[in-house]
Amino acid sequence: MLDRVIIDKNARIGDGVRLVNDKQVEEADADGYYIRNGTIIVPKGGVVKEGTVM
């Protein structure tokens, strides 16, 4: 499930990934993605591993 996510080109999202900012986090850095102004961003060439839950 993806909600309020920007996915750049050549990014890969694994099976079972849930990127939803339920906790209203404004700024954070994680493995394969980051959050800015409450929006989740998967950068160009980024990889979000299978089963990741945000």
PDB file of N, CA and C in Angstrom:
ATOM      1  N   MET A   1       0.851  -1.171   0.000  1.00  0.00           N
ATOM      2  CA  MET A   1       0.000   0.000   0.000  1.00  0.00           C
ATOM      3  C   MET A   1       0.896   1.234   0.000  1.00  0.00           C
ATOM      4  N   LEU A   2       0.553   2.177  -0.829  1.00  0.00           N
ATOM      5  CA  LEU A   2       1.285   3.435  -0.925  1.00  0.00           C
ATOM      6  C   LEU A   2       0.292   4.582  -0.774  1.00  0.00           C
ATOM      7  N   ASP A   3       0.636   5.579   0.042  1.00  0.00           N
ATOM      8  CA  ASP A   3      -0.222   6.745   0.214  1.00  0.00           C
ATOM      9  C   ASP A   3       0.662   7.969   0.388  1.00  0.00           C
ATOM     10  N   ARG A   4       0.436   9.001  -0.419  1.00  0.00           N
ATOM     11  CA  ARG A   4       1.233  10.235  -0.415  1.00  0.00           C
ATOM     12  C   ARG A   4       2.713   9.921  -0.610  1.00  0.00           C
ATOM     13  N   VAL A   5       2.998   9.174  -1.686  1.00  0.00           N
ATOM     14  CA  VAL A   5       4.358   8.750  -1.990  1.00  0.00           C
ATOM     15  C   VAL A   5       4.742   9.248  -3.378  1.00  0.00           C
ATOM     16  N   ILE A   6       5.929   9.817  -3.482  1.00  0.00           N
ATOM     17  CA  ILE A   6       6.508  10.183  -4.773  1.00  0.00           C
ATOM     18  C   ILE A   6       7.566   9.142  -5.082  1.00  0.00           C
ATOM     19  N   ILE A   7       7.428   8.495  -6.230  1.00  0.00           N
ATOM     20  CA  ILE A   7       8.384   7.464  -6.635  1.00  0.00           C
ATOM     21  C   ILE A   7       9.073   7.932  -7.907  1.00  0.00           C
ATOM     22  N   ASP A   8      10.380   8.151  -7.821  1.00  0.00           N
ATOM     23  CA  ASP A   8      11.158   8.620  -8.967  1.00  0.00           C
ATOM     24  C   ASP A   8      11.434   7.458  -9.916  1.00  0.00           C
ATOM     25  N   LYS A   9      11.946   7.786 -11.090  1.00  0.00           N
ATOM     26  CA  LYS A   9      12.167   6.744 -12.092  1.00  0.00           C
ATOM     27  C   LYS A   9      13.263   5.769 -11.657  1.00  0.00           C
ATOM     28  N   ASN A  10      13.125   4.567 -12.143  1.00  0.00           N
ATOM     29  CA  ASN A  10      14.049   3.464 -11.867  1.00  0.00           C
ATOM     30  C   ASN A  10      14.091   3.064 -10.391  1.00  0.00           C
ATOM     31  N   ALA A  11      13.107   3.497  -9.606  1.00  0.00           N
ATOM     32  CA  ALA A  11      13.006   3.051  -8.215  1.00  0.00           C
ATOM     33  C   ALA A  11      12.322   1.700  -8.200  1.00  0.00           C
ATOM     34  N   ARG A  12      12.656   0.881  -7.204  1.00  0.00           N
ATOM     35  CA  ARG A  12      12.064  -0.446  -7.078  1.00  0.00           C
ATOM     36  C   ARG A  12      11.415  -0.592  -5.713  1.00  0.00           C
ATOM     37  N   ILE A  13      10.181  -1.100  -5.727  1.00  0.00           N
ATOM     38  CA  ILE A  13       9.415  -1.311  -4.508  1.00  0.00           C
ATOM     39  C   ILE A  13       9.164  -2.810  -4.380  1.00  0.00           C
ATOM     40  N   GLY A  14       9.620  -3.409  -3.281  1.00  0.00           N
ATOM     41  CA  GLY A  14       9.466  -4.850  -3.074  1.00  0.00           C
ATOM     42  C   GLY A  14       8.042  -5.248  -2.725  1.00  0.00           C
ATOM     43  N   ASP A  15       7.781  -6.542  -2.791  1.00  0.00           N
ATOM     44  CA  ASP A  15       6.463  -7.088  -2.444  1.00  0.00           C
ATOM     45  C   ASP A  15       6.146  -6.828  -0.973  1.00  0.00           C
ATOM     46  N   GLY A  16       4.888  -6.561  -0.697  1.00  0.00           N
ATOM     47  CA  GLY A  16       4.421  -6.408   0.678  1.00  0.00           C
ATOM     48  C   GLY A  16       4.831  -5.109   1.350  1.00  0.00           C
ATOM     49  N   VAL A  17       5.334  -4.143   0.584  1.00  0.00           N
ATOM     50  CA  VAL A  17       5.759  -2.863   1.162  1.00  0.00           C
ATOM     51  C   VAL A  17       4.524  -2.038   1.514  1.00  0.00           C
ATOM     52  N   ARG A  18       4.583  -1.370   2.675  1.00  0.00           N
ATOM     53  CA  ARG A  18       3.518  -0.460   3.098  1.00  0.00           C
ATOM     54  C   ARG A  18       4.175   0.869   3.450  1.00  0.00           C
ATOM     55  N   LEU A  19       3.997   1.850   2.567  1.00  0.00           N
ATOM     56  CA  LEU A  19       4.519   3.192   2.811  1.00  0.00           C
ATOM     57  C   LEU A  19       3.339   4.138   2.990  1.00  0.00           C
ATOM     58  N   VAL A  20       2.952   4.316   4.232  1.00  0.00           N
ATOM     59  CA  VAL A  20       1.841   5.191   4.603  1.00  0.00           C
ATOM     60  C   VAL A  20       2.291   5.947   5.846  1.00  0.00           C
ATOM     61  N   ASN A  21       2.255   7.246   5.798  1.00  0.00           N
ATOM     62  CA  ASN A  21       2.733   8.072   6.906  1.00  0.00           C
ATOM     63  C   ASN A  21       1.629   8.258   7.950  1.00  0.00           C
ATOM     64  N   ASP A  22       1.222   7.167   8.611  1.00  0.00           N
ATOM     65  CA  ASP A  22       0.155   7.205   9.619  1.00  0.00           C
ATOM     66  C   ASP A  22       0.507   8.078  10.819  1.00  0.00           C
ATOM     67  N   LYS A  23       1.775   8.140  11.161  1.00  0.00           N
ATOM     68  CA  LYS A  23       2.202   8.883  12.352  1.00  0.00           C
ATOM     69  C   LYS A  23       2.456  10.356  12.066  1.00  0.00           C
ATOM     70  N   GLN A  24       2.200  10.792  10.822  1.00  0.00           N
ATOM     71  CA  GLN A  24       2.345  12.200  10.442  1.00  0.00           C
ATOM     72  C   GLN A  24       3.772  12.720  10.655  1.00  0.00           C
ATOM     73  N   VAL A  25       4.765  11.873  10.376  1.00  0.00           N
ATOM     74  CA  VAL A  25       6.171  12.262  10.489  1.00  0.00           C
ATOM     75  C   VAL A  25       6.455  13.330   9.437  1.00  0.00           C
ATOM     76  N   GLU A  26       7.123  14.405   9.812  1.00  0.00           N
ATOM     77  CA  GLU A  26       7.428  15.496   8.883  1.00  0.00           C
ATOM     78  C   GLU A  26       8.768  15.306   8.167  1.00  0.00           C
ATOM     79  N   GLU A  27       9.785  14.846   8.887  1.00  0.00           N
ATOM     80  CA  GLU A  27      11.130  14.698   8.318  1.00  0.00           C
ATOM     81  C   GLU A  27      11.764  13.416   8.855  1.00  0.00           C
ATOM     82  N   ALA A  28      12.282  12.580   7.957  1.00  0.00           N
ATOM     83  CA  ALA A  28      12.974  11.363   8.373  1.00  0.00           C
ATOM     84  C   ALA A  28      13.760  10.796   7.198  1.00  0.00           C
ATOM     85  N   ASP A  29      14.777  10.021   7.513  1.00  0.00           N
ATOM     86  CA  ASP A  29      15.561   9.300   6.516  1.00  0.00           C
ATOM     87  C   ASP A  29      15.497   7.820   6.862  1.00  0.00           C
ATOM     88  N   ALA A  30      15.260   6.991   5.852  1.00  0.00           N
ATOM     89  CA  ALA A  30      15.175   5.545   6.068  1.00  0.00           C
ATOM     90  C   ALA A  30      15.916   4.843   4.937  1.00  0.00           C
ATOM     91  N   ASP A  31      15.975   3.528   5.024  1.00  0.00           N
ATOM     92  CA  ASP A  31      16.665   2.726   4.014  1.00  0.00           C
ATOM     93  C   ASP A  31      15.825   2.670   2.737  1.00  0.00           C
ATOM     94  N   GLY A  32      16.223   3.395   1.706  1.00  0.00           N
ATOM     95  CA  GLY A  32      15.552   3.370   0.411  1.00  0.00           C
ATOM     96  C   GLY A  32      14.545   4.478   0.184  1.00  0.00           C
ATOM     97  N   TYR A  33      14.219   5.228   1.219  1.00  0.00           N
ATOM     98  CA  TYR A  33      13.270   6.339   1.069  1.00  0.00           C
ATOM     99  C   TYR A  33      13.508   7.371   2.160  1.00  0.00           C
ATOM    100  N   TYR A  34      12.876   8.537   2.000  1.00  0.00           N
ATOM    101  CA  TYR A  34      12.933   9.554   3.036  1.00  0.00           C
ATOM    102  C   TYR A  34      11.616  10.312   3.068  1.00  0.00           C
ATOM    103  N   ILE A  35      11.408  11.087   4.120  1.00  0.00           N
ATOM    104  CA  ILE A  35      10.183  11.862   4.277  1.00  0.00           C
ATOM    105  C   ILE A  35      10.559  13.333   4.392  1.00  0.00           C
ATOM    106  N   ARG A  36       9.892  14.152   3.597  1.00  0.00           N
ATOM    107  CA  ARG A  36      10.070  15.598   3.654  1.00  0.00           C
ATOM    108  C   ARG A  36       8.685  16.235   3.634  1.00  0.00           C
ATOM    109  N   ASN A  37       8.424  17.124   4.585  1.00  0.00           N
ATOM    110  CA  ASN A  37       7.130  17.803   4.692  1.00  0.00           C
ATOM    111  C   ASN A  37       5.966  16.806   4.700  1.00  0.00           C
ATOM    112  N   GLY A  38       6.166  15.654   5.325  1.00  0.00           N
ATOM    113  CA  GLY A  38       5.120  14.658   5.471  1.00  0.00           C
ATOM    114  C   GLY A  38       4.897  13.763   4.258  1.00  0.00           C
ATOM    115  N   THR A  39       5.641  13.997   3.169  1.00  0.00           N
ATOM    116  CA  THR A  39       5.504  13.192   1.958  1.00  0.00           C
ATOM    117  C   THR A  39       6.658  12.203   1.865  1.00  0.00           C
ATOM    118  N   ILE A  40       6.345  10.952   1.588  1.00  0.00           N
ATOM    119  CA  ILE A  40       7.358   9.913   1.436  1.00  0.00           C
ATOM    120  C   ILE A  40       7.915   9.993   0.022  1.00  0.00           C
ATOM    121  N   ILE A  41       9.237   9.962  -0.094  1.00  0.00           N
ATOM    122  CA  ILE A  41       9.906  10.068  -1.388  1.00  0.00           C
ATOM    123  C   ILE A  41      10.856   8.890  -1.563  1.00  0.00           C
ATOM    124  N   VAL A  42      10.684   8.173  -2.678  1.00  0.00           N
ATOM    125  CA  VAL A  42      11.613   7.117  -3.062  1.00  0.00           C
ATOM    126  C   VAL A  42      12.431   7.714  -4.208  1.00  0.00           C
ATOM    127  N   PRO A  43      13.715   7.985  -3.980  1.00  0.00           N
ATOM    128  CA  PRO A  43      14.522   8.693  -4.976  1.00  0.00           C
ATOM    129  C   PRO A  43      14.852   7.853  -6.205  1.00  0.00           C
ATOM    130  N   LYS A  44      15.350   8.517  -7.221  1.00  0.00           N
ATOM    131  CA  LYS A  44      15.770   7.868  -8.461  1.00  0.00           C
ATOM    132  C   LYS A  44      16.718   6.712  -8.135  1.00  0.00           C
ATOM    133  N   GLY A  45      16.386   5.533  -8.633  1.00  0.00           N
ATOM    134  CA  GLY A  45      17.219   4.359  -8.397  1.00  0.00           C
ATOM    135  C   GLY A  45      17.090   3.774  -7.000  1.00  0.00           C
ATOM    136  N   GLY A  46      16.200   4.323  -6.182  1.00  0.00           N
ATOM    137  CA  GLY A  46      16.032   3.834  -4.810  1.00  0.00           C
ATOM    138  C   GLY A  46      15.425   2.446  -4.773  1.00  0.00           C
ATOM    139  N   VAL A  47      15.722   1.715  -3.717  1.00  0.00           N
ATOM    140  CA  VAL A  47      15.186   0.367  -3.529  1.00  0.00           C
ATOM    141  C   VAL A  47      14.568   0.281  -2.136  1.00  0.00           C
ATOM    142  N   VAL A  48      13.283  -0.040  -2.098  1.00  0.00           N
ATOM    143  CA  VAL A  48      12.604  -0.290  -0.829  1.00  0.00           C
ATOM    144  C   VAL A  48      12.413  -1.807  -0.749  1.00  0.00           C
ATOM    145  N   LYS A  49      13.052  -2.400   0.222  1.00  0.00           N
ATOM    146  CA  LYS A  49      13.078  -3.869   0.325  1.00  0.00           C
ATOM    147  C   LYS A  49      11.734  -4.467   0.681  1.00  0.00           C
ATOM    148  N   GLU A  50      11.545  -5.694   0.228  1.00  0.00           N
ATOM    149  CA  GLU A  50      10.330  -6.473   0.469  1.00  0.00           C
ATOM    150  C   GLU A  50       9.955  -6.454   1.943  1.00  0.00           C
ATOM    151  N   GLY A  51       8.675  -6.230   2.217  1.00  0.00           N
ATOM    152  CA  GLY A  51       8.167  -6.273   3.588  1.00  0.00           C
ATOM    153  C   GLY A  51       8.372  -5.012   4.402  1.00  0.00           C
ATOM    154  N   THR A  52       8.962  -3.964   3.829  1.00  0.00           N
ATOM    155  CA  THR A  52       9.171  -2.711   4.560  1.00  0.00           C
ATOM    156  C   THR A  52       7.827  -2.117   4.947  1.00  0.00           C
ATOM    157  N   VAL A  53       7.709  -1.689   6.202  1.00  0.00           N
ATOM    158  CA  VAL A  53       6.485  -1.046   6.694  1.00  0.00           C
ATOM    159  C   VAL A  53       6.863   0.268   7.319  1.00  0.00           C
ATOM    160  N   MET A  54       6.221   1.328   6.870  1.00  0.00           N
ATOM    161  CA  MET A  54       6.460   2.670   7.416  1.00  0.00           C
ATOM    162  C   MET A  54       5.194   3.129   8.061  1.00  0.00           C
TER     163      MET A  54
END
